[in-house]
Amino acid sequence: MKNVYDLQALLPGFTLAIGVATLAKWLESLLPIPLIGASVIALFIGMFLNMWFHKYKVFRPGLQFTSKRVLKFAIILLGASLSIGTILNVGRLSLTVMLFTLLTCFGGGYIVGNLLGLDWKLSNLISAGTGICGGSAIAAIAPVIEAEDLDIAYAMSATFIFDVAMIILFPIMGSMLGMSDQAYGLWAGTAVNDTSSVVAAGYAYSEAAGDFATMVKLTRTLSIIPTVLIFSLINAHVNRKVATAGGIQHREKPNVLTLFPWFILGFIALAIVNSVGVIPADLSHGAKALSKFLMVAALAAIGLGTSFEEMKSAGLRPMMHGFIISALVVVVALLVEMAMGLV
């Protein structure tokens, strides 16, 4: 009887999130080019609807379940569409540029976050969204560092605004620099954040550039795995320091197995299985589509639990963080390509 009651409690909020996700996917399909991803659309629709739905407690259990549990399940499914061998296919060039851009994101993000007085969780979510793969990276790291839904909304917004500008400016700058299709695809694939934005910026230049940019983007996505593992250890260290400061003694050494995020195990397992060709192509595509939709639903739930008034309290600092780090990544990626003789 308890399970039935739990299902009944979750259903209103879950159904609402699915409805918003469906609307967001439909609105995304109406766009002539992939200017704005469904995840961002769902987040903002949810925040708009929060003005009316926040007072109805019946939706809260389902929205919380969708923003936490369903989000993790979506990340697991994403592994079925990725291949560890993609790194080898893209080659040495993209890995070199990505190494520098990731160091820029997290190293520069740490400094900028401290200067702006941002919480370390919010700062690193913005850096992860900028350096890895936009919403997917933010969604994967958020549960590991126990980030608040408000932090996720801030991070998504900060990376999205810069992406919109890059879709327009990247093809213009690429033409002015006389970049080859490969050089431009590498630049867009390593410097633009969200997948939909990479696709839009890449194919706006040429089909070959779009193909290469997409492949580079998939390689960036794989860096979610080590990043999540590192942040799980960082979060455990921070929690121990906070507990010690509060007078709680920790004599036992942390157990790495308990720190390991369980959902990333499923992500890695599916990625490995897909790499050896066990998962049929149709099933892989289906898993990716379902993963993306559930991720949109999770972000809709996050939006439905976030108010504009709460976001306004942080002012422009998260947006400034996102702009500064994104601009640094664009410049660093270009300088590395120049140093390698690609531009």
C-alpha atoms as a PDB file:
ATOM      1  CA  MET A   1       0.000   0.000   0.000  1.00  0.00           C
ATOM      2  CA  LYS A   2       2.932   2.316   0.775  1.00  0.00           C
ATOM      3  CA  ASN A   3       4.358   1.919  -2.758  1.00  0.00           C
ATOM      4  CA  VAL A   4       0.976   2.785  -4.277  1.00  0.00           C
ATOM      5  CA  TYR A   5       0.782   5.853  -2.045  1.00  0.00           C
ATOM      6  CA  ASP A   6       4.313   6.870  -3.054  1.00  0.00           C
ATOM      7  CA  LEU A   7       3.440   6.542  -6.726  1.00  0.00           C
ATOM      8  CA  GLN A   8       0.338   8.630  -6.238  1.00  0.00           C
ATOM      9  CA  ALA A   9       2.390  11.275  -4.451  1.00  0.00           C
ATOM     10  CA  LEU A  10       4.980  11.415  -7.237  1.00  0.00           C
ATOM     11  CA  LEU A  11       2.575  11.368 -10.174  1.00  0.00           C
ATOM     12  CA  PRO A  12       1.312  15.014 -10.175  1.00  0.00           C
ATOM     13  CA  GLY A  13       4.773  16.599 -10.138  1.00  0.00           C
ATOM     14  CA  PHE A  14       6.268  14.047 -12.537  1.00  0.00           C
ATOM     15  CA  THR A  15       3.380  14.512 -14.987  1.00  0.00           C
ATOM     16  CA  LEU A  16       3.743  18.289 -14.825  1.00  0.00           C
ATOM     17  CA  ALA A  17       7.481  18.047 -15.575  1.00  0.00           C
ATOM     18  CA  ILE A  18       6.829  15.679 -18.502  1.00  0.00           C
ATOM     19  CA  GLY A  19       4.212  18.097 -19.848  1.00  0.00           C
ATOM     20  CA  VAL A  20       6.621  21.029 -19.720  1.00  0.00           C
ATOM     21  CA  ALA A  21       9.348  18.902 -21.354  1.00  0.00           C
ATOM     22  CA  THR A  22       6.983  17.936 -24.176  1.00  0.00           C
ATOM     23  CA  LEU A  23       6.107  21.599 -24.739  1.00  0.00           C
ATOM     24  CA  ALA A  24       9.799  22.541 -24.741  1.00  0.00           C
ATOM     25  CA  LYS A  25      10.662  19.836 -27.313  1.00  0.00           C
ATOM     26  CA  TRP A  26       7.813  21.043 -29.523  1.00  0.00           C
ATOM     27  CA  LEU A  27       8.977  24.659 -29.303  1.00  0.00           C
ATOM     28  CA  GLU A  28      12.532  23.550 -30.105  1.00  0.00           C
ATOM     29  CA  SER A  29      11.269  21.765 -33.233  1.00  0.00           C
ATOM     30  CA  LEU A  30       9.700  25.009 -34.486  1.00  0.00           C
ATOM     31  CA  LEU A  31      13.064  26.784 -34.586  1.00  0.00           C
ATOM     32  CA  PRO A  32      14.620  26.994 -38.078  1.00  0.00           C
ATOM     33  CA  ILE A  33      18.065  26.328 -36.572  1.00  0.00           C
ATOM     34  CA  PRO A  34      18.978  24.745 -33.187  1.00  0.00           C
ATOM     35  CA  LEU A  35      19.442  28.165 -31.578  1.00  0.00           C
ATOM     36  CA  ILE A  36      18.107  27.182 -28.141  1.00  0.00           C
ATOM     37  CA  GLY A  37      18.081  23.647 -26.751  1.00  0.00           C
ATOM     38  CA  ALA A  38      14.926  22.136 -25.248  1.00  0.00           C
ATOM     39  CA  SER A  39      16.657  21.897 -21.853  1.00  0.00           C
ATOM     40  CA  VAL A  40      17.039  25.653 -21.601  1.00  0.00           C
ATOM     41  CA  ILE A  41      13.504  26.235 -22.894  1.00  0.00           C
ATOM     42  CA  ALA A  42      12.093  23.817 -20.311  1.00  0.00           C
ATOM     43  CA  LEU A  43      14.086  25.461 -17.514  1.00  0.00           C
ATOM     44  CA  PHE A  44      12.708  28.922 -18.288  1.00  0.00           C
ATOM     45  CA  ILE A  45       9.143  27.702 -18.859  1.00  0.00           C
ATOM     46  CA  GLY A  46       9.333  25.954 -15.490  1.00  0.00           C
ATOM     47  CA  MET A  47      10.604  29.111 -13.791  1.00  0.00           C
ATOM     48  CA  PHE A  48       7.759  31.096 -15.368  1.00  0.00           C
ATOM     49  CA  LEU A  49       5.150  28.564 -14.207  1.00  0.00           C
ATOM     50  CA  ASN A  50       6.675  28.539 -10.727  1.00  0.00           C
ATOM     51  CA  MET A  51       4.862  31.823 -10.063  1.00  0.00           C
ATOM     52  CA  TRP A  52       1.582  29.855  -9.979  1.00  0.00           C
ATOM     53  CA  PHE A  53       2.522  26.259  -9.110  1.00  0.00           C
ATOM     54  CA  HIS A  54       4.872  26.893  -6.162  1.00  0.00           C
ATOM     55  CA  LYS A  55       1.936  27.202  -3.750  1.00  0.00           C
ATOM     56  CA  TYR A  56       0.534  23.744  -4.552  1.00  0.00           C
ATOM     57  CA  LYS A  57       2.287  21.205  -2.312  1.00  0.00           C
ATOM     58  CA  VAL A  58       0.820  18.272  -4.260  1.00  0.00           C
ATOM     59  CA  PHE A  59       3.448  18.795  -7.008  1.00  0.00           C
ATOM     60  CA  ARG A  60       6.521  18.973  -4.768  1.00  0.00           C
ATOM     61  CA  PRO A  61       7.304  15.240  -4.242  1.00  0.00           C
ATOM     62  CA  GLY A  62       7.131  14.465  -7.960  1.00  0.00           C
ATOM     63  CA  LEU A  63       9.159  17.510  -8.948  1.00  0.00           C
ATOM     64  CA  GLN A  64      11.877  16.654  -6.443  1.00  0.00           C
ATOM     65  CA  PHE A  65      11.918  13.036  -7.633  1.00  0.00           C
ATOM     66  CA  THR A  66      12.218  14.153 -11.273  1.00  0.00           C
ATOM     67  CA  SER A  67      14.954  16.714 -10.613  1.00  0.00           C
ATOM     68  CA  LYS A  68      17.060  14.202  -8.634  1.00  0.00           C
ATOM     69  CA  ARG A  69      16.322  10.539  -9.405  1.00  0.00           C
ATOM     70  CA  VAL A  70      15.084  10.875 -12.991  1.00  0.00           C
ATOM     71  CA  LEU A  71      18.035  13.139 -13.771  1.00  0.00           C
ATOM     72  CA  LYS A  72      20.502  10.459 -12.652  1.00  0.00           C
ATOM     73  CA  PHE A  73      18.700   7.806 -14.701  1.00  0.00           C
ATOM     74  CA  ALA A  74      18.896  10.076 -17.758  1.00  0.00           C
ATOM     75  CA  ILE A  75      22.662  10.388 -17.303  1.00  0.00           C
ATOM     76  CA  ILE A  76      22.999   6.592 -17.120  1.00  0.00           C
ATOM     77  CA  LEU A  77      21.106   6.214 -20.416  1.00  0.00           C
ATOM     78  CA  LEU A  78      23.340   8.811 -22.051  1.00  0.00           C
ATOM     79  CA  GLY A  79      26.227   6.348 -21.807  1.00  0.00           C
ATOM     80  CA  ALA A  80      24.509   4.052 -24.326  1.00  0.00           C
ATOM     81  CA  SER A  81      25.057   6.674 -27.047  1.00  0.00           C
ATOM     82  CA  LEU A  82      28.753   7.320 -26.362  1.00  0.00           C
ATOM     83  CA  SER A  83      31.815   5.429 -27.422  1.00  0.00           C
ATOM     84  CA  ILE A  84      35.134   5.401 -25.594  1.00  0.00           C
ATOM     85  CA  GLY A  85      36.759   4.917 -28.999  1.00  0.00           C
ATOM     86  CA  THR A  86      35.555   8.356 -30.108  1.00  0.00           C
ATOM     87  CA  ILE A  87      38.688   9.830 -28.571  1.00  0.00           C
ATOM     88  CA  LEU A  88      40.857   7.796 -30.948  1.00  0.00           C
ATOM     89  CA  ASN A  89      38.696   8.706 -33.944  1.00  0.00           C
ATOM     90  CA  VAL A  90      38.898  12.436 -33.327  1.00  0.00           C
ATOM     91  CA  GLY A  91      42.648  12.255 -32.802  1.00  0.00           C
ATOM     92  CA  ARG A  92      45.463  13.930 -30.981  1.00  0.00           C
ATOM     93  CA  LEU A  93      44.629  17.490 -32.076  1.00  0.00           C
ATOM     94  CA  SER A  94      41.316  17.831 -30.256  1.00  0.00           C
ATOM     95  CA  LEU A  95      42.665  16.236 -27.074  1.00  0.00           C
ATOM     96  CA  THR A  96      45.479  18.779 -26.885  1.00  0.00           C
ATOM     97  CA  VAL A  97      43.111  21.746 -27.269  1.00  0.00           C
ATOM     98  CA  MET A  98      40.629  20.241 -24.807  1.00  0.00           C
ATOM     99  CA  LEU A  99      43.321  19.793 -22.175  1.00  0.00           C
ATOM    100  CA  PHE A 100      44.071  23.519 -22.252  1.00  0.00           C
ATOM    101  CA  THR A 101      40.409  24.572 -22.321  1.00  0.00           C
ATOM    102  CA  LEU A 102      39.535  22.329 -19.361  1.00  0.00           C
ATOM    103  CA  LEU A 103      42.476  23.723 -17.371  1.00  0.00           C
ATOM    104  CA  THR A 104      41.279  27.225 -18.279  1.00  0.00           C
ATOM    105  CA  CYS A 105      37.716  26.481 -17.177  1.00  0.00           C
ATOM    106  CA  PHE A 106      38.433  24.963 -13.799  1.00  0.00           C
ATOM    107  CA  GLY A 107      41.645  26.862 -12.992  1.00  0.00           C
ATOM    108  CA  GLY A 108      40.383  30.201 -14.226  1.00  0.00           C
ATOM    109  CA  GLY A 109      36.918  29.449 -12.877  1.00  0.00           C
ATOM    110  CA  TYR A 110      38.336  28.924  -9.378  1.00  0.00           C
ATOM    111  CA  ILE A 111      40.075  32.301  -9.464  1.00  0.00           C
ATOM    112  CA  VAL A 112      37.137  34.178 -11.011  1.00  0.00           C
ATOM    113  CA  GLY A 113      34.663  32.521  -8.631  1.00  0.00           C
ATOM    114  CA  ASN A 114      36.704  33.609  -5.614  1.00  0.00           C
ATOM    115  CA  LEU A 115      37.059  37.170  -6.936  1.00  0.00           C
ATOM    116  CA  LEU A 116      33.298  37.393  -7.481  1.00  0.00           C
ATOM    117  CA  GLY A 117      32.537  35.812  -4.110  1.00  0.00           C
ATOM    118  CA  LEU A 118      30.558  32.894  -5.565  1.00  0.00           C
ATOM    119  CA  ASP A 119      29.934  29.626  -3.738  1.00  0.00           C
ATOM    120  CA  TRP A 120      32.372  26.943  -4.940  1.00  0.00           C
ATOM    121  CA  LYS A 121      29.537  24.674  -6.081  1.00  0.00           C
ATOM    122  CA  LEU A 122      27.948  27.306  -8.323  1.00  0.00           C
ATOM    123  CA  SER A 123      31.342  28.393  -9.647  1.00  0.00           C
ATOM    124  CA  ASN A 124      32.324  24.852 -10.634  1.00  0.00           C
ATOM    125  CA  LEU A 125      28.941  24.099 -12.181  1.00  0.00           C
ATOM    126  CA  ILE A 126      29.401  27.097 -14.479  1.00  0.00           C
ATOM    127  CA  SER A 127      32.965  25.983 -15.263  1.00  0.00           C
ATOM    128  CA  ALA A 128      31.814  22.430 -16.011  1.00  0.00           C
ATOM    129  CA  GLY A 129      29.028  23.644 -18.279  1.00  0.00           C
ATOM    130  CA  THR A 130      31.512  25.832 -20.142  1.00  0.00           C
ATOM    131  CA  GLY A 131      34.381  23.344 -20.355  1.00  0.00           C
ATOM    132  CA  ILE A 132      32.596  20.051 -20.980  1.00  0.00           C
ATOM    133  CA  CYS A 133      29.121  20.012 -22.489  1.00  0.00           C
ATOM    134  CA  GLY A 134      26.729  22.582 -21.150  1.00  0.00           C
ATOM    135  CA  GLY A 135      23.618  21.195 -19.482  1.00  0.00           C
ATOM    136  CA  SER A 136      24.729  17.553 -19.515  1.00  0.00           C
ATOM    137  CA  ALA A 137      27.872  18.305 -17.495  1.00  0.00           C
ATOM    138  CA  ILE A 138      25.979  20.555 -15.080  1.00  0.00           C
ATOM    139  CA  ALA A 139      23.365  17.826 -14.625  1.00  0.00           C
ATOM    140  CA  ALA A 140      25.995  15.118 -14.028  1.00  0.00           C
ATOM    141  CA  ILE A 141      28.088  17.042 -11.505  1.00  0.00           C
ATOM    142  CA  ALA A 142      25.230  18.681  -9.560  1.00  0.00           C
ATOM    143  CA  PRO A 143      24.132  15.574  -7.590  1.00  0.00           C
ATOM    144  CA  VAL A 144      27.753  14.643  -6.804  1.00  0.00           C
ATOM    145  CA  ILE A 145      28.507  17.976  -5.122  1.00  0.00           C
ATOM    146  CA  GLU A 146      24.992  18.179  -3.629  1.00  0.00           C
ATOM    147  CA  ALA A 147      24.232  21.412  -5.479  1.00  0.00           C
ATOM    148  CA  GLU A 148      20.958  23.231  -4.932  1.00  0.00           C
ATOM    149  CA  ASP A 149      18.410  23.475  -7.748  1.00  0.00           C
ATOM    150  CA  LEU A 150      18.933  27.239  -7.716  1.00  0.00           C
ATOM    151  CA  ASP A 151      22.650  26.747  -8.461  1.00  0.00           C
ATOM    152  CA  ILE A 152      21.762  24.514 -11.423  1.00  0.00           C
ATOM    153  CA  ALA A 153      19.399  27.167 -12.783  1.00  0.00           C
ATOM    154  CA  TYR A 154      22.077  29.858 -12.423  1.00  0.00           C
ATOM    155  CA  ALA A 155      24.709  27.712 -14.158  1.00  0.00           C
ATOM    156  CA  MET A 156      22.402  26.788 -17.038  1.00  0.00           C
ATOM    157  CA  SER A 157      21.443  30.430 -17.564  1.00  0.00           C
ATOM    158  CA  ALA A 158      25.046  31.654 -17.430  1.00  0.00           C
ATOM    159  CA  THR A 159      26.293  29.220 -20.086  1.00  0.00           C
ATOM    160  CA  PHE A 160      23.198  29.584 -22.298  1.00  0.00           C
ATOM    161  CA  ILE A 161      23.436  33.364 -22.797  1.00  0.00           C
ATOM    162  CA  PHE A 162      27.024  33.138 -24.055  1.00  0.00           C
ATOM    163  CA  ASP A 163      26.151  30.228 -26.362  1.00  0.00           C
ATOM    164  CA  VAL A 164      23.497  32.265 -28.172  1.00  0.00           C
ATOM    165  CA  ALA A 165      26.068  34.962 -28.959  1.00  0.00           C
ATOM    166  CA  MET A 166      28.640  32.394 -30.140  1.00  0.00           C
ATOM    167  CA  ILE A 167      26.228  30.816 -32.641  1.00  0.00           C
ATOM    168  CA  ILE A 168      26.104  34.165 -34.416  1.00  0.00           C
ATOM    169  CA  LEU A 169      29.704  35.313 -33.940  1.00  0.00           C
ATOM    170  CA  PHE A 170      31.680  32.085 -34.511  1.00  0.00           C
ATOM    171  CA  PRO A 171      31.004  31.698 -38.276  1.00  0.00           C
ATOM    172  CA  ILE A 172      31.820  35.398 -38.775  1.00  0.00           C
ATOM    173  CA  MET A 173      35.092  35.176 -36.819  1.00  0.00           C
ATOM    174  CA  GLY A 174      36.020  31.892 -38.531  1.00  0.00           C
ATOM    175  CA  SER A 175      35.597  33.479 -41.963  1.00  0.00           C
ATOM    176  CA  MET A 176      37.579  36.566 -40.954  1.00  0.00           C
ATOM    177  CA  LEU A 177      40.446  34.330 -39.771  1.00  0.00           C
ATOM    178  CA  GLY A 178      40.277  32.211 -42.938  1.00  0.00           C
ATOM    179  CA  MET A 179      40.029  28.982 -40.937  1.00  0.00           C
ATOM    180  CA  SER A 180      39.855  25.584 -42.626  1.00  0.00           C
ATOM    181  CA  ASP A 181      36.833  23.361 -41.979  1.00  0.00           C
ATOM    182  CA  GLN A 182      38.844  21.169 -39.599  1.00  0.00           C
ATOM    183  CA  ALA A 183      40.374  24.103 -37.695  1.00  0.00           C
ATOM    184  CA  TYR A 184      37.000  25.804 -37.345  1.00  0.00           C
ATOM    185  CA  GLY A 185      35.269  22.572 -36.322  1.00  0.00           C
ATOM    186  CA  LEU A 186      37.931  21.985 -33.678  1.00  0.00           C
ATOM    187  CA  TRP A 187      37.544  25.543 -32.404  1.00  0.00           C
ATOM    188  CA  ALA A 188      33.741  25.419 -32.242  1.00  0.00           C
ATOM    189  CA  GLY A 189      33.746  21.911 -30.787  1.00  0.00           C
ATOM    190  CA  THR A 190      36.044  22.899 -27.920  1.00  0.00           C
ATOM    191  CA  ALA A 191      34.868  26.456 -27.201  1.00  0.00           C
ATOM    192  CA  VAL A 192      31.068  26.441 -27.628  1.00  0.00           C
ATOM    193  CA  ASN A 193      29.200  24.935 -24.674  1.00  0.00           C
ATOM    194  CA  ASP A 194      25.926  23.118 -25.348  1.00  0.00           C
ATOM    195  CA  THR A 195      25.580  20.382 -27.991  1.00  0.00           C
ATOM    196  CA  SER A 196      22.783  22.134 -29.864  1.00  0.00           C
ATOM    197  CA  SER A 197      24.867  25.316 -29.986  1.00  0.00           C
ATOM    198  CA  VAL A 198      27.926  23.419 -31.271  1.00  0.00           C
ATOM    199  CA  VAL A 199      25.819  21.892 -34.049  1.00  0.00           C
ATOM    200  CA  ALA A 200      24.343  25.279 -34.982  1.00  0.00           C
ATOM    201  CA  ALA A 201      27.716  27.076 -34.994  1.00  0.00           C
ATOM    202  CA  GLY A 202      29.488  24.224 -36.796  1.00  0.00           C
ATOM    203  CA  TYR A 203      27.071  23.673 -39.667  1.00  0.00           C
ATOM    204  CA  ALA A 204      26.617  27.433 -40.125  1.00  0.00           C
ATOM    205  CA  TYR A 205      30.230  27.406 -41.371  1.00  0.00           C
ATOM    206  CA  SER A 206      30.165  24.262 -43.516  1.00  0.00           C
ATOM    207  CA  GLU A 207      28.968  20.663 -43.443  1.00  0.00           C
ATOM    208  CA  ALA A 208      32.516  19.348 -42.952  1.00  0.00           C
ATOM    209  CA  ALA A 209      33.114  21.798 -40.099  1.00  0.00           C
ATOM    210  CA  GLY A 210      29.827  20.783 -38.507  1.00  0.00           C
ATOM    211  CA  ASP A 211      30.698  17.084 -38.697  1.00  0.00           C
ATOM    212  CA  PHE A 212      34.094  17.597 -37.083  1.00  0.00           C
ATOM    213  CA  ALA A 213      32.731  19.977 -34.425  1.00  0.00           C
ATOM    214  CA  THR A 214      30.105  17.406 -33.441  1.00  0.00           C
ATOM    215  CA  MET A 215      32.723  14.665 -33.130  1.00  0.00           C
ATOM    216  CA  VAL A 216      34.929  16.899 -30.968  1.00  0.00           C
ATOM    217  CA  LYS A 217      31.901  17.674 -28.826  1.00  0.00           C
ATOM    218  CA  LEU A 218      31.287  13.963 -28.200  1.00  0.00           C
ATOM    219  CA  THR A 219      34.888  13.611 -27.066  1.00  0.00           C
ATOM    220  CA  ARG A 220      34.420  16.501 -24.634  1.00  0.00           C
ATOM    221  CA  THR A 221      31.362  14.722 -23.231  1.00  0.00           C
ATOM    222  CA  LEU A 222      33.511  11.757 -22.190  1.00  0.00           C
ATOM    223  CA  SER A 223      35.443  14.010 -19.814  1.00  0.00           C
ATOM    224  CA  ILE A 224      32.331  13.941 -17.617  1.00  0.00           C
ATOM    225  CA  ILE A 225      33.585  10.617 -16.206  1.00  0.00           C
ATOM    226  CA  PRO A 226      36.874  11.754 -14.589  1.00  0.00           C
ATOM    227  CA  THR A 227      35.367  15.139 -13.679  1.00  0.00           C
ATOM    228  CA  VAL A 228      32.517  13.564 -11.708  1.00  0.00           C
ATOM    229  CA  LEU A 229      34.929  11.258  -9.887  1.00  0.00           C
ATOM    230  CA  ILE A 230      37.220  14.149  -8.938  1.00  0.00           C
ATOM    231  CA  PHE A 231      34.350  16.296  -7.673  1.00  0.00           C
ATOM    232  CA  SER A 232      32.921  13.441  -5.619  1.00  0.00           C
ATOM    233  CA  LEU A 233      36.233  13.359  -3.715  1.00  0.00           C
ATOM    234  CA  ILE A 234      36.372  17.163  -3.435  1.00  0.00           C
ATOM    235  CA  ASN A 235      32.838  17.296  -2.040  1.00  0.00           C
ATOM    236  CA  ALA A 236      33.638  14.578   0.512  1.00  0.00           C
ATOM    237  CA  HIS A 237      36.750  16.538   1.584  1.00  0.00           C
ATOM    238  CA  VAL A 238      34.746  19.765   1.969  1.00  0.00           C
ATOM    239  CA  ASN A 239      32.051  17.973   3.971  1.00  0.00           C
ATOM    240  CA  ARG A 240      34.685  16.540   6.323  1.00  0.00           C
ATOM    241  CA  LYS A 241      36.196  19.998   6.865  1.00  0.00           C
ATOM    242  CA  VAL A 242      32.765  21.470   7.635  1.00  0.00           C
ATOM    243  CA  ALA A 243      31.972  18.641  10.048  1.00  0.00           C
ATOM    244  CA  THR A 244      35.359  19.001  11.789  1.00  0.00           C
ATOM    245  CA  ALA A 245      34.831  22.759  12.128  1.00  0.00           C
ATOM    246  CA  GLY A 246      31.521  21.972  13.798  1.00  0.00           C
ATOM    247  CA  GLY A 247      33.209  19.802  16.409  1.00  0.00           C
ATOM    248  CA  ILE A 248      32.540  16.422  14.793  1.00  0.00           C
ATOM    249  CA  GLN A 249      35.620  14.186  14.752  1.00  0.00           C
ATOM    250  CA  HIS A 250      36.400  11.995  11.737  1.00  0.00           C
ATOM    251  CA  ARG A 251      38.876   9.302  12.690  1.00  0.00           C
ATOM    252  CA  GLU A 252      38.034   6.843   9.950  1.00  0.00           C
ATOM    253  CA  LYS A 253      39.488   7.270   6.498  1.00  0.00           C
ATOM    254  CA  PRO A 254      36.890   7.849   3.792  1.00  0.00           C
ATOM    255  CA  ASN A 255      35.803   4.804   1.844  1.00  0.00           C
ATOM    256  CA  VAL A 256      36.291   5.501  -1.868  1.00  0.00           C
ATOM    257  CA  LEU A 257      33.558   2.999  -2.731  1.00  0.00           C
ATOM    258  CA  THR A 258      30.981   4.944  -0.743  1.00  0.00           C
ATOM    259  CA  LEU A 259      32.106   8.217  -2.328  1.00  0.00           C
ATOM    260  CA  PHE A 260      31.790   6.866  -5.861  1.00  0.00           C
ATOM    261  CA  PRO A 261      28.551   8.188  -7.452  1.00  0.00           C
ATOM    262  CA  TRP A 262      26.501   5.072  -8.279  1.00  0.00           C
ATOM    263  CA  PHE A 263      24.844   6.545 -11.343  1.00  0.00           C
ATOM    264  CA  ILE A 264      28.169   7.192 -13.074  1.00  0.00           C
ATOM    265  CA  LEU A 265      28.886   3.441 -12.808  1.00  0.00           C
ATOM    266  CA  GLY A 266      25.879   2.808 -15.017  1.00  0.00           C
ATOM    267  CA  PHE A 267      27.000   5.589 -17.357  1.00  0.00           C
ATOM    268  CA  ILE A 268      30.479   4.064 -17.735  1.00  0.00           C
ATOM    269  CA  ALA A 269      29.108   0.530 -18.108  1.00  0.00           C
ATOM    270  CA  LEU A 270      26.759   1.485 -20.935  1.00  0.00           C
ATOM    271  CA  ALA A 271      29.488   3.513 -22.665  1.00  0.00           C
ATOM    272  CA  ILE A 272      31.846   0.505 -22.568  1.00  0.00           C
ATOM    273  CA  VAL A 273      29.144  -1.880 -23.786  1.00  0.00           C
ATOM    274  CA  ASN A 274      28.297   0.515 -26.618  1.00  0.00           C
ATOM    275  CA  SER A 275      31.989   0.845 -27.518  1.00  0.00           C
ATOM    276  CA  VAL A 276      32.315  -2.879 -28.254  1.00  0.00           C
ATOM    277  CA  GLY A 277      29.219  -2.845 -30.462  1.00  0.00           C
ATOM    278  CA  VAL A 278      26.901  -4.917 -28.257  1.00  0.00           C
ATOM    279  CA  ILE A 279      24.109  -2.321 -28.302  1.00  0.00           C
ATOM    280  CA  PRO A 280      22.298  -2.174 -31.681  1.00  0.00           C
ATOM    281  CA  ALA A 281      22.356   1.225 -33.390  1.00  0.00           C
ATOM    282  CA  ASP A 282      18.579   1.672 -33.181  1.00  0.00           C
ATOM    283  CA  LEU A 283      18.586   0.896 -29.458  1.00  0.00           C
ATOM    284  CA  SER A 284      21.504   3.285 -28.896  1.00  0.00           C
ATOM    285  CA  HIS A 285      19.691   6.084 -30.712  1.00  0.00           C
ATOM    286  CA  GLY A 286      16.527   5.330 -28.749  1.00  0.00           C
ATOM    287  CA  ALA A 287      18.396   5.411 -25.429  1.00  0.00           C
ATOM    288  CA  LYS A 288      19.965   8.746 -26.363  1.00  0.00           C
ATOM    289  CA  ALA A 289      16.576  10.224 -27.328  1.00  0.00           C
ATOM    290  CA  LEU A 290      14.996   9.016 -24.075  1.00  0.00           C
ATOM    291  CA  SER A 291      17.980  10.289 -22.076  1.00  0.00           C
ATOM    292  CA  LYS A 292      17.729  13.741 -23.636  1.00  0.00           C
ATOM    293  CA  PHE A 293      13.970  13.911 -23.043  1.00  0.00           C
ATOM    294  CA  LEU A 294      14.253  12.834 -19.403  1.00  0.00           C
ATOM    295  CA  MET A 295      17.021  15.381 -18.929  1.00  0.00           C
ATOM    296  CA  VAL A 296      14.691  18.046 -20.330  1.00  0.00           C
ATOM    297  CA  ALA A 297      11.984  16.859 -17.895  1.00  0.00           C
ATOM    298  CA  ALA A 298      14.454  17.056 -14.995  1.00  0.00           C
ATOM    299  CA  LEU A 299      15.406  20.610 -15.913  1.00  0.00           C
ATOM    300  CA  ALA A 300      11.718  21.466 -16.228  1.00  0.00           C
ATOM    301  CA  ALA A 301      11.273  20.188 -12.660  1.00  0.00           C
ATOM    302  CA  ILE A 302      14.248  22.278 -11.528  1.00  0.00           C
ATOM    303  CA  GLY A 303      12.705  25.326 -13.182  1.00  0.00           C
ATOM    304  CA  LEU A 304       9.347  24.640 -11.545  1.00  0.00           C
ATOM    305  CA  GLY A 305      11.111  24.693  -8.178  1.00  0.00           C
ATOM    306  CA  THR A 306      13.047  27.898  -8.885  1.00  0.00           C
ATOM    307  CA  SER A 307      11.677  31.435  -8.744  1.00  0.00           C
ATOM    308  CA  PHE A 308      12.937  34.495 -10.602  1.00  0.00           C
ATOM    309  CA  GLU A 309      12.958  36.371  -7.305  1.00  0.00           C
ATOM    310  CA  GLU A 310      15.465  33.913  -5.832  1.00  0.00           C
ATOM    311  CA  MET A 311      17.700  34.196  -8.894  1.00  0.00           C
ATOM    312  CA  LYS A 312      17.654  37.994  -8.749  1.00  0.00           C
ATOM    313  CA  SER A 313      19.126  37.861  -5.229  1.00  0.00           C
ATOM    314  CA  ALA A 314      22.539  36.795  -6.637  1.00  0.00           C
ATOM    315  CA  GLY A 315      22.623  39.691  -9.075  1.00  0.00           C
ATOM    316  CA  LEU A 316      24.841  39.554 -12.147  1.00  0.00           C
ATOM    317  CA  ARG A 317      27.800  37.725 -10.589  1.00  0.00           C
ATOM    318  CA  PRO A 318      26.998  34.238 -12.008  1.00  0.00           C
ATOM    319  CA  MET A 319      26.465  35.746 -15.464  1.00  0.00           C
ATOM    320  CA  MET A 320      29.770  37.608 -15.211  1.00  0.00           C
ATOM    321  CA  HIS A 321      31.487  34.358 -14.211  1.00  0.00           C
ATOM    322  CA  GLY A 322      29.999  32.532 -17.195  1.00  0.00           C
ATOM    323  CA  PHE A 323      30.940  35.320 -19.599  1.00  0.00           C
ATOM    324  CA  ILE A 324      34.541  35.649 -18.387  1.00  0.00           C
ATOM    325  CA  ILE A 325      35.245  31.899 -18.442  1.00  0.00           C
ATOM    326  CA  SER A 326      33.542  31.379 -21.813  1.00  0.00           C
ATOM    327  CA  ALA A 327      35.527  34.256 -23.334  1.00  0.00           C
ATOM    328  CA  LEU A 328      38.768  32.844 -21.916  1.00  0.00           C
ATOM    329  CA  VAL A 329      38.013  29.412 -23.400  1.00  0.00           C
ATOM    330  CA  VAL A 330      37.349  30.923 -26.847  1.00  0.00           C
ATOM    331  CA  VAL A 331      40.680  32.781 -26.754  1.00  0.00           C
ATOM    332  CA  VAL A 332      42.712  29.887 -25.302  1.00  0.00           C
ATOM    333  CA  ALA A 333      41.327  27.378 -27.838  1.00  0.00           C
ATOM    334  CA  LEU A 334      42.210  29.739 -30.677  1.00  0.00           C
ATOM    335  CA  LEU A 335      45.723  30.417 -29.339  1.00  0.00           C
ATOM    336  CA  VAL A 336      46.438  26.687 -28.952  1.00  0.00           C
ATOM    337  CA  GLU A 337      45.357  26.042 -32.544  1.00  0.00           C
ATOM    338  CA  MET A 338      47.588  28.901 -33.698  1.00  0.00           C
ATOM    339  CA  ALA A 339      50.511  27.434 -31.744  1.00  0.00           C
ATOM    340  CA  MET A 340      49.865  24.085 -33.446  1.00  0.00           C
ATOM    341  CA  GLY A 341      49.892  25.750 -36.872  1.00  0.00           C
ATOM    342  CA  LEU A 342      46.224  25.028 -37.638  1.00  0.00           C
ATOM    343  CA  VAL A 343      45.247  28.691 -38.061  1.00  0.00           C
END
